[in-house]
Amino acid sequence: MAILKNKIVHFLLIISAVILFDLISFEIAMPAGNTPIIIDENLKAGMTLKDAIQLLGPPEKIFASDAGTVVMSYDKLGLSLEIMNNGNKVEKINIQSSFKGMFATGIEIGADFQKILSAYNQPDIMTKEFIEYSDLARRFQLSEGKLTGAELYSSADKINKPVTDKAPLKETARTVPAETVSEEVNENMREALREELREEVLEELREEAIKGYSKDFDVFSLYGFNVERTSKGIIISEIIPGSAAEKGGLKAGEAIRKAFYEGAGKLNIYSVGGLEAILRRAVTKHKNTINILQDDNYYHKVEIPKIK
């Protein structure tokens, strides 16, 4: 342990010397205040430490973690970098809730979880607290369905074996990381578990999202149809003559399987609340049409009514 600590201290001295040399030789006197920080564009996990310092300027704090990594903190920028004690590249980027930059996909702190899914497609693991993409080596942190931070790793194996001493995320009954699944389980079964996890958590988030929308109008009355939950799914029980639902070709007695509008991903419908949420969002976002898939495997294009 003493040898490890000595190595860390020695490396800290080297890092400090490198920073000082850069400040003097390259005149990096200030953080890149006029340069927007764009993750995956000018700031990436795996980039050289020198390039990171030239972009961000000198860190406000440098300290060693118990795991043997060197942490370079940029609190004013809302991020920190981690470097292995014998390396010269950024192994991990920690994005904080105060981060003012953005991702190359356009995502920023405070973005709705649906924007993350639209930008990166289906994740490997998803709970109400985080969304993880193993192949992309990143984990997005959530609070009430909004992005509050992120952990970006230099390679996919680092996300399963973190370079920091941070305690692993607490597993819940819905968290089924690949490493906890028996090696005898084939990849198709693993993917089925992941899909079940994603849909279950998504449905919970959709249900909660309803609370954030205005309740001053009855969604189903506005569109002109009623639904009920049955063993076969969410079935249209009634269609009002002359309504948007009737004009769009929706059929009573058939289940609604999926729904989406322009700019949003296709959502599987598992509950009345989930359907209500997307119908309400389409109205409040002033979209023109919404596509609804029924049992006949045909997407009906329904005109979105306006609130009078």
Protein backbone atom coordinates (compact mmCIF):
# COMPACT_ATOMS: atom_id res chain seq x y z
CA MET A 1 0.00 0.00 0.00
CA ALA A 2 2.84 2.39 0.85
CA ILE A 3 4.48 1.68 -2.51
CA LEU A 4 1.20 2.43 -4.31
CA LYS A 5 0.79 5.71 -2.43
CA ASN A 6 4.36 6.69 -3.29
CA LYS A 7 3.71 5.99 -6.96
CA ILE A 8 0.55 8.10 -6.84
CA VAL A 9 2.34 11.00 -5.17
CA HIS A 10 5.15 10.70 -7.71
CA PHE A 11 2.67 10.76 -10.57
CA LEU A 12 0.89 13.77 -9.09
CA LEU A 13 4.19 15.61 -9.09
CA ILE A 14 4.71 14.66 -12.73
CA ILE A 15 1.19 15.81 -13.65
CA SER A 16 1.71 19.10 -11.85
CA ALA A 17 4.99 19.60 -13.69
CA VAL A 18 3.30 18.86 -17.04
CA ILE A 19 0.56 21.37 -16.28
CA LEU A 20 3.07 24.00 -15.22
CA PHE A 21 5.12 23.36 -18.37
CA ASP A 22 2.03 23.74 -20.54
CA LEU A 23 1.05 26.97 -18.78
CA ILE A 24 4.47 28.46 -19.42
CA SER A 25 5.30 27.01 -22.82
CA PHE A 26 1.87 27.04 -24.46
CA GLU A 27 0.45 30.03 -22.57
CA ILE A 28 -2.64 28.14 -21.38
CA ALA A 29 -3.50 30.77 -18.81
CA MET A 30 -7.27 30.36 -18.64
CA PRO A 31 -9.82 27.60 -19.16
CA ALA A 32 -11.37 27.55 -22.61
CA GLY A 33 -14.08 30.02 -21.64
CA ASN A 34 -14.78 31.03 -25.23
CA THR A 35 -14.74 27.46 -26.53
CA PRO A 36 -17.96 25.51 -25.96
CA ILE A 37 -17.31 22.07 -24.49
CA ILE A 38 -18.91 19.43 -26.68
CA ILE A 39 -18.71 15.84 -25.48
CA ASP A 40 -17.64 13.38 -28.21
CA GLU A 41 -16.37 16.28 -30.29
CA ASN A 42 -13.62 18.28 -28.56
CA LEU A 43 -13.74 16.42 -25.24
CA LYS A 44 -13.65 12.62 -25.28
CA ALA A 45 -12.80 9.83 -22.89
CA GLY A 46 -9.58 8.27 -24.18
CA MET A 47 -8.05 11.54 -25.44
CA THR A 48 -4.55 12.47 -24.32
CA LEU A 49 -4.18 14.35 -21.07
CA LYS A 50 -2.23 17.11 -22.82
CA ASP A 51 -5.05 17.74 -25.32
CA ALA A 52 -7.59 17.82 -22.49
CA ILE A 53 -5.56 20.39 -20.55
CA GLN A 54 -5.11 22.52 -23.65
CA LEU A 55 -8.89 22.57 -24.05
CA LEU A 56 -9.95 23.00 -20.43
CA GLY A 57 -6.96 24.83 -18.95
CA PRO A 58 -5.42 23.96 -15.57
CA PRO A 59 -7.67 22.06 -13.14
CA GLU A 60 -8.83 23.69 -9.93
CA LYS A 61 -7.89 20.64 -7.87
CA ILE A 62 -5.75 17.53 -8.35
CA PHE A 63 -6.03 14.62 -5.94
CA ALA A 64 -5.59 10.85 -5.81
CA SER A 65 -8.45 8.42 -5.25
CA ASP A 66 -8.11 5.36 -3.05
CA ALA A 67 -8.31 3.22 -6.19
CA GLY A 68 -5.07 4.71 -7.48
CA THR A 69 -6.41 7.12 -10.09
CA VAL A 70 -5.61 10.81 -10.36
CA VAL A 71 -8.69 13.05 -10.34
CA MET A 72 -8.49 16.47 -12.00
CA SER A 73 -11.44 18.60 -10.93
CA TYR A 74 -12.99 21.43 -12.98
CA ASP A 75 -15.86 22.46 -10.71
CA LYS A 76 -16.48 25.73 -12.57
CA LEU A 77 -16.98 23.77 -15.77
CA GLY A 78 -19.06 21.10 -14.07
CA LEU A 79 -16.82 18.12 -14.77
CA SER A 80 -13.77 16.16 -13.68
CA LEU A 81 -11.25 13.90 -15.41
CA GLU A 82 -9.68 10.70 -14.16
CA ILE A 83 -6.30 9.32 -15.22
CA MET A 84 -4.62 6.07 -14.29
CA ASN A 85 -1.54 6.57 -12.11
CA ASN A 86 0.74 5.29 -14.87
CA GLY A 87 -1.06 6.67 -17.89
CA ASN A 88 -1.25 9.80 -19.99
CA LYS A 89 -4.81 9.60 -21.31
CA VAL A 90 -8.21 10.43 -19.89
CA GLU A 91 -9.76 7.17 -18.66
CA LYS A 92 -13.01 8.68 -17.42
CA ILE A 93 -15.00 11.92 -17.62
CA ASN A 94 -17.48 12.70 -14.85
CA ILE A 95 -20.22 15.10 -15.94
CA GLN A 96 -21.87 16.98 -13.07
CA SER A 97 -25.31 18.57 -12.79
CA SER A 98 -23.66 22.00 -13.18
CA PHE A 99 -22.16 21.10 -16.58
CA LYS A 100 -22.86 23.91 -19.06
CA GLY A 101 -21.60 22.14 -22.18
CA MET A 102 -23.46 19.64 -24.33
CA PHE A 103 -23.10 16.33 -26.15
CA ALA A 104 -22.47 16.16 -29.89
CA THR A 105 -25.98 14.69 -30.18
CA GLY A 106 -27.40 17.95 -28.77
CA ILE A 107 -28.27 16.53 -25.34
CA GLU A 108 -27.73 18.85 -22.37
CA ILE A 109 -28.17 18.58 -18.60
CA GLY A 110 -31.89 18.62 -17.86
CA ALA A 111 -32.82 16.78 -21.07
CA ASP A 112 -35.75 14.38 -20.88
CA PHE A 113 -34.80 10.68 -20.85
CA GLN A 114 -36.64 10.22 -24.16
CA LYS A 115 -34.06 12.46 -25.87
CA ILE A 116 -31.29 10.16 -24.66
CA LEU A 117 -33.10 7.13 -26.04
CA SER A 118 -33.75 8.91 -29.34
CA ALA A 119 -30.07 9.85 -29.66
CA TYR A 120 -28.52 6.54 -28.63
CA ASN A 121 -31.31 4.00 -29.24
CA GLN A 122 -32.12 1.21 -26.78
CA PRO A 123 -29.78 0.97 -23.76
CA ASP A 124 -28.31 -2.19 -22.23
CA ILE A 125 -29.55 -1.33 -18.74
CA MET A 126 -32.15 1.19 -17.67
CA THR A 127 -33.61 2.06 -14.29
CA LYS A 128 -35.25 5.21 -12.94
CA GLU A 129 -31.79 6.33 -11.75
CA PHE A 130 -29.57 5.67 -14.79
CA ILE A 131 -29.36 4.61 -18.43
CA GLU A 132 -26.31 2.56 -19.44
CA TYR A 133 -24.82 1.86 -22.87
CA SER A 134 -22.10 -0.74 -22.44
CA ASP A 135 -20.75 -0.65 -25.99
CA LEU A 136 -20.55 3.15 -25.88
CA ALA A 137 -18.94 2.96 -22.42
CA ARG A 138 -21.19 5.52 -20.78
CA ARG A 139 -23.83 5.82 -18.09
CA PHE A 140 -26.36 8.66 -17.92
CA GLN A 141 -27.72 9.59 -14.49
CA LEU A 142 -31.41 10.47 -14.08
CA SER A 143 -33.62 12.18 -11.55
CA GLU A 144 -37.37 12.34 -12.18
CA GLY A 145 -36.77 11.39 -15.80
CA LYS A 146 -34.25 14.21 -16.42
CA LEU A 147 -30.51 14.03 -17.15
CA THR A 148 -28.46 15.12 -14.12
CA GLY A 149 -25.00 13.80 -14.97
CA ALA A 150 -22.98 11.18 -16.81
CA GLU A 151 -19.97 8.91 -16.57
CA LEU A 152 -17.97 8.45 -19.78
CA TYR A 153 -15.28 5.75 -19.95
CA SER A 154 -12.38 5.28 -22.35
CA SER A 155 -13.45 1.74 -23.28
CA ALA A 156 -16.35 -0.64 -22.79
CA ASP A 157 -14.54 -2.84 -20.26
CA LYS A 158 -14.01 0.15 -17.96
CA ILE A 159 -17.73 0.65 -17.38
CA ASN A 160 -18.00 -2.81 -15.85
CA LYS A 161 -14.70 -2.38 -13.98
CA PRO A 162 -14.79 1.31 -12.95
CA VAL A 163 -11.46 3.15 -12.80
CA THR A 164 -12.55 4.95 -9.63
CA ASP A 165 -13.25 3.87 -6.09
CA LYS A 166 -16.86 4.88 -6.45
CA ALA A 167 -19.24 2.29 -5.00
CA PRO A 168 -21.17 0.34 -7.64
CA LEU A 169 -24.75 1.32 -8.30
CA LYS A 170 -27.16 -0.43 -5.99
CA GLU A 171 -28.93 -3.18 -7.82
CA THR A 172 -32.69 -3.44 -7.69
CA ALA A 173 -35.02 -6.22 -8.71
CA ARG A 174 -35.22 -4.62 -12.14
CA THR A 175 -31.46 -4.18 -12.65
CA VAL A 176 -30.12 -7.17 -14.55
CA PRO A 177 -26.52 -6.44 -15.68
CA ALA A 178 -25.12 -8.95 -18.11
CA GLU A 179 -22.47 -10.13 -15.66
CA THR A 180 -25.12 -11.35 -13.18
CA VAL A 181 -26.72 -13.62 -15.74
CA SER A 182 -25.53 -17.21 -15.78
CA GLU A 183 -23.02 -17.98 -18.51
CA GLU A 184 -25.28 -20.84 -19.65
CA VAL A 185 -28.00 -18.35 -20.65
CA ASN A 186 -27.74 -17.69 -24.37
CA GLU A 187 -27.56 -14.20 -25.86
CA ASN A 188 -31.17 -14.29 -27.09
CA MET A 189 -32.44 -14.84 -23.55
CA ARG A 190 -30.19 -12.08 -22.24
CA GLU A 191 -31.56 -9.66 -24.80
CA ALA A 192 -35.10 -10.65 -23.85
CA LEU A 193 -34.34 -9.82 -20.22
CA ARG A 194 -32.86 -6.47 -21.22
CA GLU A 195 -35.89 -5.67 -23.37
CA GLU A 196 -38.28 -6.54 -20.55
CA LEU A 197 -36.30 -4.33 -18.19
CA ARG A 198 -36.25 -1.40 -20.60
CA GLU A 199 -39.97 -1.53 -21.31
CA GLU A 200 -40.93 -1.87 -17.65
CA VAL A 201 -38.85 1.11 -16.58
CA LEU A 202 -39.96 3.16 -19.57
CA GLU A 203 -43.57 2.50 -18.65
CA GLU A 204 -42.99 3.71 -15.10
CA LEU A 205 -41.37 6.88 -16.39
CA ARG A 206 -44.25 7.48 -18.78
CA GLU A 207 -46.73 7.08 -15.95
CA GLU A 208 -44.81 9.62 -13.86
CA ALA A 209 -44.47 11.98 -16.81
CA ILE A 210 -48.24 12.41 -16.90
CA LYS A 211 -48.00 14.39 -13.68
CA GLY A 212 -45.95 17.02 -15.46
CA TYR A 213 -48.56 17.82 -18.09
CA SER A 214 -51.63 20.01 -17.86
CA LYS A 215 -54.77 18.22 -16.65
CA ASP A 216 -57.19 20.85 -17.92
CA PHE A 217 -58.52 18.69 -20.75
CA ASP A 218 -59.68 15.10 -21.19
CA VAL A 219 -57.26 13.53 -23.66
CA PHE A 220 -59.48 10.72 -24.88
CA SER A 221 -62.53 12.96 -25.26
CA LEU A 222 -60.39 15.36 -27.29
CA TYR A 223 -59.31 12.62 -29.72
CA GLY A 224 -62.76 11.05 -29.66
CA PHE A 225 -62.29 7.53 -28.35
CA ASN A 226 -62.22 5.56 -25.11
CA VAL A 227 -60.04 2.62 -24.11
CA GLU A 228 -59.94 -0.12 -21.51
CA ARG A 229 -57.21 -2.45 -20.32
CA THR A 230 -57.84 -6.15 -21.00
CA SER A 231 -55.81 -9.35 -21.14
CA LYS A 232 -55.25 -8.58 -24.82
CA GLY A 233 -53.83 -5.13 -24.13
CA ILE A 234 -55.23 -1.60 -24.36
CA ILE A 235 -58.42 -1.99 -26.39
CA ILE A 236 -60.44 0.82 -28.00
CA SER A 237 -63.88 0.39 -26.45
CA GLU A 238 -65.67 3.27 -28.21
CA ILE A 239 -65.12 5.71 -31.06
CA ILE A 240 -67.12 8.93 -31.21
CA PRO A 241 -68.63 9.63 -34.67
CA GLY A 242 -67.03 12.52 -36.50
CA SER A 243 -64.01 12.56 -34.18
CA ALA A 244 -60.32 12.66 -35.07
CA ALA A 245 -60.12 8.98 -34.12
CA GLU A 246 -62.86 8.00 -36.57
CA LYS A 247 -61.42 10.13 -39.36
CA GLY A 248 -58.01 8.58 -38.75
CA GLY A 249 -59.41 5.08 -39.23
CA LEU A 250 -59.03 3.73 -35.69
CA LYS A 251 -61.13 0.66 -35.02
CA ALA A 252 -63.15 -0.20 -31.92
CA GLY A 253 -62.46 -3.61 -30.44
CA GLU A 254 -58.81 -3.66 -31.51
CA ALA A 255 -55.76 -3.11 -29.31
CA ILE A 256 -53.36 -0.17 -29.65
CA ARG A 257 -49.84 -1.60 -29.90
CA LYS A 258 -47.59 1.37 -30.62
CA ALA A 259 -47.78 5.14 -31.09
CA PHE A 260 -45.42 7.88 -32.18
CA TYR A 261 -45.38 11.39 -33.61
CA GLU A 262 -42.75 13.24 -35.61
CA GLY A 263 -39.57 13.74 -33.61
CA ALA A 264 -40.34 10.96 -31.10
CA GLY A 265 -39.42 7.28 -31.07
CA LYS A 266 -41.96 4.50 -31.49
CA LEU A 267 -43.39 3.62 -28.07
CA ASN A 268 -44.94 0.29 -27.15
CA ILE A 269 -48.25 0.81 -25.36
CA TYR A 270 -48.69 -1.28 -22.21
CA SER A 271 -51.00 0.86 -20.11
CA VAL A 272 -53.78 3.43 -20.38
CA GLY A 273 -51.51 5.94 -18.64
CA GLY A 274 -48.71 5.41 -21.16
CA LEU A 275 -51.09 5.96 -24.07
CA GLU A 276 -52.56 9.05 -22.41
CA ALA A 277 -49.08 10.48 -21.88
CA ILE A 278 -48.02 10.33 -25.54
CA LEU A 279 -51.42 11.59 -26.75
CA ARG A 280 -51.17 14.51 -24.33
CA ARG A 281 -47.57 15.32 -25.33
CA ALA A 282 -48.57 15.38 -29.00
CA VAL A 283 -51.22 18.00 -28.17
CA THR A 284 -49.08 20.16 -25.88
CA LYS A 285 -46.16 20.05 -28.36
CA HIS A 286 -48.54 21.22 -31.12
CA LYS A 287 -47.81 18.29 -33.44
CA ASN A 288 -49.95 17.77 -36.53
CA THR A 289 -50.47 14.01 -36.61
CA ILE A 290 -49.80 10.93 -34.49
CA ASN A 291 -49.28 7.41 -35.87
CA ILE A 292 -51.12 4.62 -34.04
CA LEU A 293 -50.55 0.90 -34.68
CA GLN A 294 -53.48 -1.47 -34.08
CA ASP A 295 -53.99 -5.22 -34.43
CA ASP A 296 -54.18 -5.00 -38.19
CA ASN A 297 -50.44 -4.12 -38.28
CA TYR A 298 -51.19 -0.82 -39.96
CA TYR A 299 -50.24 2.61 -38.67
CA HIS A 300 -53.27 4.91 -38.71
CA LYS A 301 -52.38 8.57 -39.12
CA VAL A 302 -54.62 10.51 -36.76
CA GLU A 303 -54.87 14.28 -36.89
CA ILE A 304 -54.07 15.80 -33.50
CA PRO A 305 -56.94 17.97 -32.24
CA LYS A 306 -56.28 21.50 -31.05
CA ILE A 307 -57.24 22.71 -27.60
CA LYS A 308 -59.89 25.40 -27.88
